N, C-alpha and C. Protein backbone atom coordinates (compact mmCIF):
# COMPACT_ATOMS: atom_id res chain seq x y z
N GLN A 1 0.85 -1.19 0.00
CA GLN A 1 0.00 0.00 0.00
C GLN A 1 0.88 1.24 0.00
N VAL A 2 0.64 2.09 -0.98
CA VAL A 2 1.44 3.29 -1.11
C VAL A 2 0.87 4.39 -0.22
N GLN A 3 1.74 5.05 0.50
CA GLN A 3 1.33 6.20 1.31
C GLN A 3 2.34 7.32 1.16
N LEU A 4 1.81 8.52 0.97
CA LEU A 4 2.61 9.74 1.02
C LEU A 4 2.00 10.59 2.12
N VAL A 5 2.78 10.89 3.12
CA VAL A 5 2.26 11.62 4.28
C VAL A 5 3.02 12.92 4.43
N GLU A 6 2.31 14.03 4.19
CA GLU A 6 2.91 15.35 4.33
C GLU A 6 2.79 15.84 5.78
N SER A 7 3.72 16.67 6.16
CA SER A 7 3.68 17.31 7.47
C SER A 7 4.45 18.61 7.39
N GLY A 8 4.30 19.42 8.44
CA GLY A 8 5.08 20.65 8.53
C GLY A 8 4.34 21.92 8.20
N GLY A 9 3.09 21.80 7.76
CA GLY A 9 2.33 22.99 7.48
C GLY A 9 1.92 23.72 8.74
N GLY A 10 1.34 24.90 8.56
CA GLY A 10 0.89 25.66 9.72
C GLY A 10 0.60 27.09 9.36
N LEU A 11 0.40 27.89 10.41
CA LEU A 11 0.15 29.31 10.27
C LEU A 11 1.46 30.06 10.51
N VAL A 12 1.82 30.90 9.58
CA VAL A 12 3.08 31.64 9.69
C VAL A 12 2.87 33.07 9.21
N GLN A 13 3.62 33.99 9.76
CA GLN A 13 3.51 35.39 9.36
C GLN A 13 4.24 35.62 8.05
N PRO A 14 3.83 36.64 7.32
CA PRO A 14 4.56 36.98 6.10
C PRO A 14 6.04 37.19 6.39
N GLY A 15 6.86 36.66 5.49
CA GLY A 15 8.30 36.71 5.68
C GLY A 15 8.87 35.53 6.43
N GLY A 16 8.02 34.72 6.98
CA GLY A 16 8.46 33.57 7.76
C GLY A 16 8.85 32.39 6.88
N SER A 17 9.19 31.30 7.56
CA SER A 17 9.66 30.09 6.87
C SER A 17 8.97 28.85 7.42
N LEU A 18 8.91 27.86 6.58
CA LEU A 18 8.42 26.54 6.98
C LEU A 18 9.21 25.50 6.22
N ARG A 19 9.29 24.30 6.78
CA ARG A 19 9.83 23.17 6.04
C ARG A 19 8.77 22.08 6.02
N LEU A 20 8.32 21.77 4.83
CA LEU A 20 7.36 20.69 4.64
C LEU A 20 8.11 19.39 4.40
N SER A 21 7.54 18.31 4.89
CA SER A 21 8.10 16.98 4.67
C SER A 21 7.04 16.08 4.06
N CYS A 22 7.50 15.13 3.29
CA CYS A 22 6.61 14.11 2.73
C CYS A 22 7.32 12.77 2.84
N ALA A 23 6.78 11.93 3.69
CA ALA A 23 7.35 10.60 3.90
C ALA A 23 6.61 9.59 3.06
N ALA A 24 7.35 8.86 2.26
CA ALA A 24 6.76 7.88 1.34
C ALA A 24 6.98 6.47 1.85
N SER A 25 5.99 5.63 1.64
CA SER A 25 6.12 4.21 1.95
C SER A 25 5.37 3.42 0.88
N GLY A 26 5.80 2.17 0.70
CA GLY A 26 5.13 1.32 -0.28
C GLY A 26 5.62 1.49 -1.70
N ILE A 27 6.63 2.35 -1.90
CA ILE A 27 7.21 2.52 -3.23
C ILE A 27 8.72 2.41 -3.13
N THR A 28 9.35 2.13 -4.26
CA THR A 28 10.81 2.18 -4.33
C THR A 28 11.17 3.63 -4.60
N PHE A 29 11.42 4.35 -3.54
CA PHE A 29 11.51 5.81 -3.57
C PHE A 29 12.52 6.30 -4.62
N SER A 30 13.61 5.58 -4.76
CA SER A 30 14.70 6.06 -5.60
C SER A 30 14.37 6.06 -7.08
N ILE A 31 13.28 5.43 -7.48
CA ILE A 31 12.90 5.43 -8.90
C ILE A 31 11.65 6.27 -9.15
N TYR A 32 11.42 7.19 -8.24
CA TYR A 32 10.34 8.15 -8.39
C TYR A 32 10.89 9.57 -8.40
N HIS A 33 10.38 10.36 -9.36
CA HIS A 33 10.56 11.80 -9.27
C HIS A 33 9.54 12.30 -8.25
N MET A 34 9.96 13.24 -7.43
CA MET A 34 9.07 13.73 -6.38
C MET A 34 8.75 15.20 -6.62
N GLY A 35 7.52 15.55 -6.37
CA GLY A 35 7.12 16.93 -6.61
C GLY A 35 6.21 17.47 -5.52
N TRP A 36 6.15 18.78 -5.50
CA TRP A 36 5.20 19.49 -4.63
C TRP A 36 4.28 20.31 -5.51
N TYR A 37 3.01 20.27 -5.15
CA TYR A 37 1.98 21.06 -5.80
C TYR A 37 1.23 21.80 -4.70
N ARG A 38 0.46 22.80 -5.09
CA ARG A 38 -0.36 23.50 -4.11
C ARG A 38 -1.69 23.90 -4.74
N GLN A 39 -2.66 24.05 -3.87
CA GLN A 39 -3.99 24.45 -4.31
C GLN A 39 -4.55 25.45 -3.32
N ALA A 40 -4.75 26.65 -3.82
CA ALA A 40 -5.36 27.71 -3.02
C ALA A 40 -6.88 27.61 -3.13
N PRO A 41 -7.60 28.16 -2.18
CA PRO A 41 -9.07 28.10 -2.22
C PRO A 41 -9.60 28.69 -3.53
N GLY A 42 -10.47 27.93 -4.18
CA GLY A 42 -11.07 28.40 -5.41
C GLY A 42 -10.18 28.36 -6.63
N GLU A 43 -8.98 27.81 -6.47
CA GLU A 43 -8.02 27.76 -7.58
C GLU A 43 -7.73 26.32 -7.96
N GLN A 44 -7.16 26.17 -9.15
CA GLN A 44 -6.72 24.84 -9.56
C GLN A 44 -5.40 24.50 -8.89
N ARG A 45 -5.15 23.22 -8.77
CA ARG A 45 -3.88 22.78 -8.23
C ARG A 45 -2.76 23.19 -9.20
N GLU A 46 -1.69 23.72 -8.64
CA GLU A 46 -0.58 24.15 -9.48
C GLU A 46 0.72 23.50 -9.03
N TRP A 47 1.57 23.28 -10.00
CA TRP A 47 2.89 22.70 -9.74
C TRP A 47 3.79 23.74 -9.07
N VAL A 48 4.57 23.28 -8.09
CA VAL A 48 5.47 24.16 -7.36
C VAL A 48 6.93 23.81 -7.66
N ALA A 49 7.28 22.55 -7.48
CA ALA A 49 8.68 22.15 -7.64
C ALA A 49 8.76 20.65 -7.84
N THR A 50 9.84 20.23 -8.49
CA THR A 50 10.10 18.82 -8.71
C THR A 50 11.57 18.53 -8.47
N ILE A 51 11.83 17.38 -7.90
CA ILE A 51 13.19 16.87 -7.82
C ILE A 51 13.20 15.49 -8.47
N SER A 52 14.08 15.31 -9.43
CA SER A 52 14.13 14.04 -10.13
C SER A 52 14.72 12.95 -9.25
N ASN A 53 14.65 11.73 -9.73
CA ASN A 53 15.22 10.63 -8.95
C ASN A 53 16.74 10.78 -8.82
N SER A 54 17.33 11.54 -9.74
CA SER A 54 18.78 11.76 -9.69
C SER A 54 19.16 13.06 -8.97
N GLY A 55 18.15 13.82 -8.54
CA GLY A 55 18.43 15.02 -7.75
C GLY A 55 18.33 16.33 -8.49
N SER A 56 18.01 16.33 -9.75
CA SER A 56 17.82 17.59 -10.50
C SER A 56 16.54 18.27 -10.03
N THR A 57 16.58 19.57 -9.95
CA THR A 57 15.43 20.32 -9.43
C THR A 57 14.89 21.32 -10.44
N ASN A 58 13.61 21.56 -10.34
CA ASN A 58 12.94 22.58 -11.15
C ASN A 58 11.88 23.25 -10.30
N TYR A 59 11.67 24.54 -10.57
CA TYR A 59 10.74 25.32 -9.77
C TYR A 59 9.83 26.16 -10.65
N ALA A 60 8.61 26.37 -10.15
CA ALA A 60 7.74 27.35 -10.78
C ALA A 60 8.35 28.73 -10.60
N ASP A 61 8.13 29.60 -11.58
CA ASP A 61 8.70 30.94 -11.51
C ASP A 61 8.26 31.68 -10.24
N SER A 62 7.04 31.41 -9.80
CA SER A 62 6.50 32.15 -8.65
C SER A 62 7.20 31.83 -7.34
N VAL A 63 7.94 30.73 -7.30
CA VAL A 63 8.60 30.34 -6.05
C VAL A 63 10.11 30.28 -6.16
N LYS A 64 10.62 30.47 -7.37
CA LYS A 64 12.06 30.37 -7.59
C LYS A 64 12.80 31.36 -6.70
N GLY A 65 13.82 30.88 -6.04
CA GLY A 65 14.60 31.73 -5.15
C GLY A 65 14.10 31.75 -3.71
N ARG A 66 12.89 31.29 -3.49
CA ARG A 66 12.33 31.26 -2.13
C ARG A 66 12.10 29.85 -1.62
N PHE A 67 11.82 28.93 -2.52
CA PHE A 67 11.54 27.54 -2.15
C PHE A 67 12.71 26.66 -2.57
N THR A 68 12.98 25.65 -1.76
CA THR A 68 14.02 24.68 -2.09
C THR A 68 13.48 23.27 -1.85
N ILE A 69 13.53 22.47 -2.89
CA ILE A 69 13.11 21.07 -2.77
C ILE A 69 14.35 20.20 -2.61
N SER A 70 14.23 19.19 -1.76
CA SER A 70 15.34 18.26 -1.56
C SER A 70 14.76 16.90 -1.22
N ARG A 71 15.61 15.90 -1.27
CA ARG A 71 15.15 14.55 -0.95
C ARG A 71 16.24 13.80 -0.20
N ASP A 72 15.79 12.87 0.61
CA ASP A 72 16.68 11.97 1.35
C ASP A 72 16.22 10.56 1.02
N ASN A 73 16.93 9.92 0.11
CA ASN A 73 16.50 8.59 -0.33
C ASN A 73 16.63 7.56 0.79
N ALA A 74 17.52 7.78 1.72
CA ALA A 74 17.66 6.84 2.84
C ALA A 74 16.45 6.89 3.76
N LYS A 75 15.78 8.04 3.79
CA LYS A 75 14.60 8.20 4.65
C LYS A 75 13.30 8.18 3.86
N ASN A 76 13.39 7.98 2.55
CA ASN A 76 12.20 7.99 1.69
C ASN A 76 11.37 9.24 1.90
N THR A 77 12.06 10.37 1.97
CA THR A 77 11.40 11.62 2.31
C THR A 77 11.82 12.72 1.35
N VAL A 78 10.86 13.54 0.98
CA VAL A 78 11.14 14.74 0.20
C VAL A 78 10.72 15.95 1.04
N TYR A 79 11.49 17.01 0.89
CA TYR A 79 11.28 18.21 1.68
C TYR A 79 11.02 19.42 0.77
N LEU A 80 10.33 20.38 1.34
CA LEU A 80 10.18 21.67 0.68
C LEU A 80 10.45 22.76 1.71
N GLN A 81 11.59 23.41 1.58
CA GLN A 81 11.91 24.53 2.43
C GLN A 81 11.31 25.78 1.81
N ILE A 82 10.49 26.46 2.59
CA ILE A 82 9.77 27.63 2.08
C ILE A 82 10.23 28.84 2.90
N ASN A 83 10.82 29.79 2.23
CA ASN A 83 11.29 31.01 2.88
C ASN A 83 10.55 32.22 2.33
N SER A 84 10.67 33.32 3.05
CA SER A 84 10.07 34.59 2.62
C SER A 84 8.61 34.41 2.19
N LEU A 85 7.87 33.77 3.06
CA LEU A 85 6.49 33.45 2.72
C LEU A 85 5.64 34.69 2.50
N LYS A 86 4.74 34.57 1.54
CA LYS A 86 3.83 35.64 1.18
C LYS A 86 2.39 35.16 1.38
N PRO A 87 1.47 36.09 1.60
CA PRO A 87 0.06 35.65 1.74
C PRO A 87 -0.42 34.82 0.55
N GLU A 88 0.09 35.11 -0.63
CA GLU A 88 -0.35 34.34 -1.81
C GLU A 88 0.22 32.93 -1.85
N ASP A 89 1.08 32.60 -0.91
CA ASP A 89 1.55 31.21 -0.78
C ASP A 89 0.57 30.35 0.00
N THR A 90 -0.45 30.98 0.56
CA THR A 90 -1.45 30.23 1.32
C THR A 90 -2.13 29.21 0.41
N ALA A 91 -2.09 27.95 0.84
CA ALA A 91 -2.64 26.87 0.03
C ALA A 91 -2.50 25.56 0.78
N VAL A 92 -3.15 24.54 0.26
CA VAL A 92 -2.85 23.18 0.69
C VAL A 92 -1.73 22.68 -0.22
N TYR A 93 -0.68 22.18 0.40
CA TYR A 93 0.49 21.70 -0.34
C TYR A 93 0.45 20.17 -0.40
N TYR A 94 0.59 19.66 -1.61
CA TYR A 94 0.49 18.23 -1.85
C TYR A 94 1.82 17.68 -2.37
N CYS A 95 2.13 16.50 -1.93
CA CYS A 95 3.29 15.77 -2.40
C CYS A 95 2.86 14.82 -3.51
N ASN A 96 3.70 14.68 -4.51
CA ASN A 96 3.42 13.79 -5.64
C ASN A 96 4.63 12.91 -5.92
N ALA A 97 4.37 11.64 -6.18
CA ALA A 97 5.41 10.70 -6.58
C ALA A 97 5.12 10.23 -7.98
N ARG A 98 6.07 10.46 -8.89
CA ARG A 98 5.89 10.08 -10.30
C ARG A 98 7.00 9.13 -10.69
N HIS A 99 6.59 7.93 -11.13
CA HIS A 99 7.54 6.89 -11.51
C HIS A 99 8.39 7.36 -12.70
N ILE A 100 9.60 6.90 -12.76
CA ILE A 100 10.47 7.28 -13.88
C ILE A 100 9.96 6.74 -15.22
N ILE A 101 9.14 5.71 -15.17
CA ILE A 101 8.45 5.23 -16.38
C ILE A 101 7.09 5.92 -16.40
N VAL A 102 6.90 6.77 -17.38
CA VAL A 102 5.75 7.68 -17.33
C VAL A 102 4.40 6.98 -17.40
N SER A 103 4.39 5.76 -17.91
CA SER A 103 3.12 5.05 -18.03
C SER A 103 2.66 4.47 -16.69
N ARG A 104 3.55 4.44 -15.73
CA ARG A 104 3.18 3.91 -14.41
C ARG A 104 2.36 4.95 -13.66
N PRO A 105 1.50 4.49 -12.75
CA PRO A 105 0.67 5.46 -12.01
C PRO A 105 1.51 6.33 -11.07
N ASP A 106 1.01 7.51 -10.82
CA ASP A 106 1.65 8.33 -9.81
C ASP A 106 0.76 8.39 -8.57
N TYR A 107 1.30 8.95 -7.51
CA TYR A 107 0.63 8.94 -6.21
C TYR A 107 0.64 10.33 -5.60
N TRP A 108 -0.38 10.57 -4.76
CA TRP A 108 -0.54 11.85 -4.10
C TRP A 108 -0.70 11.67 -2.60
N GLY A 109 -0.21 12.64 -1.86
CA GLY A 109 -0.49 12.70 -0.45
C GLY A 109 -1.80 13.40 -0.18
N GLN A 110 -2.13 13.51 1.10
CA GLN A 110 -3.42 14.09 1.50
C GLN A 110 -3.35 15.60 1.64
N GLY A 111 -2.14 16.14 1.64
CA GLY A 111 -1.97 17.59 1.72
C GLY A 111 -1.71 18.10 3.12
N THR A 112 -1.04 19.24 3.17
CA THR A 112 -0.81 19.94 4.43
C THR A 112 -1.08 21.41 4.20
N GLN A 113 -1.80 22.02 5.13
CA GLN A 113 -2.23 23.40 4.96
C GLN A 113 -1.11 24.37 5.36
N VAL A 114 -0.85 25.32 4.50
CA VAL A 114 0.04 26.43 4.81
C VAL A 114 -0.78 27.71 4.72
N THR A 115 -0.79 28.45 5.82
CA THR A 115 -1.51 29.72 5.86
C THR A 115 -0.54 30.82 6.24
N VAL A 116 -0.47 31.84 5.39
CA VAL A 116 0.43 32.96 5.63
C VAL A 116 -0.43 34.18 5.93
N SER A 117 -0.35 34.64 7.16
CA SER A 117 -1.20 35.74 7.58
C SER A 117 -0.59 36.41 8.79
N SER A 118 -0.80 37.71 8.87
CA SER A 118 -0.35 38.44 10.06
C SER A 118 -1.48 38.54 11.09
């Protein structure tokens, strides 16, 4: 049974930081590209960042320079360090696991809420 469990969300003031974690089980973590997405109220889910199985990273323009994605294959965990938070970063953040073979199914976590407000 595949599980992706996000944690680390919360309420933070503008300019603050958070580190989100996503612990994976039931998959061979090292052969999955891992990504973070977010969905704000009333909006579609949007891609935030991806780290490939080999460690290459890509970011949405809206978060470049403020967010850092990383992974620890020994812990089957992917992280998202979020700095200089803005109110528009408020969203539910979801973890995604995408197999290196694109025809294989991908998996989603249940999400963790990030709220940026003073």
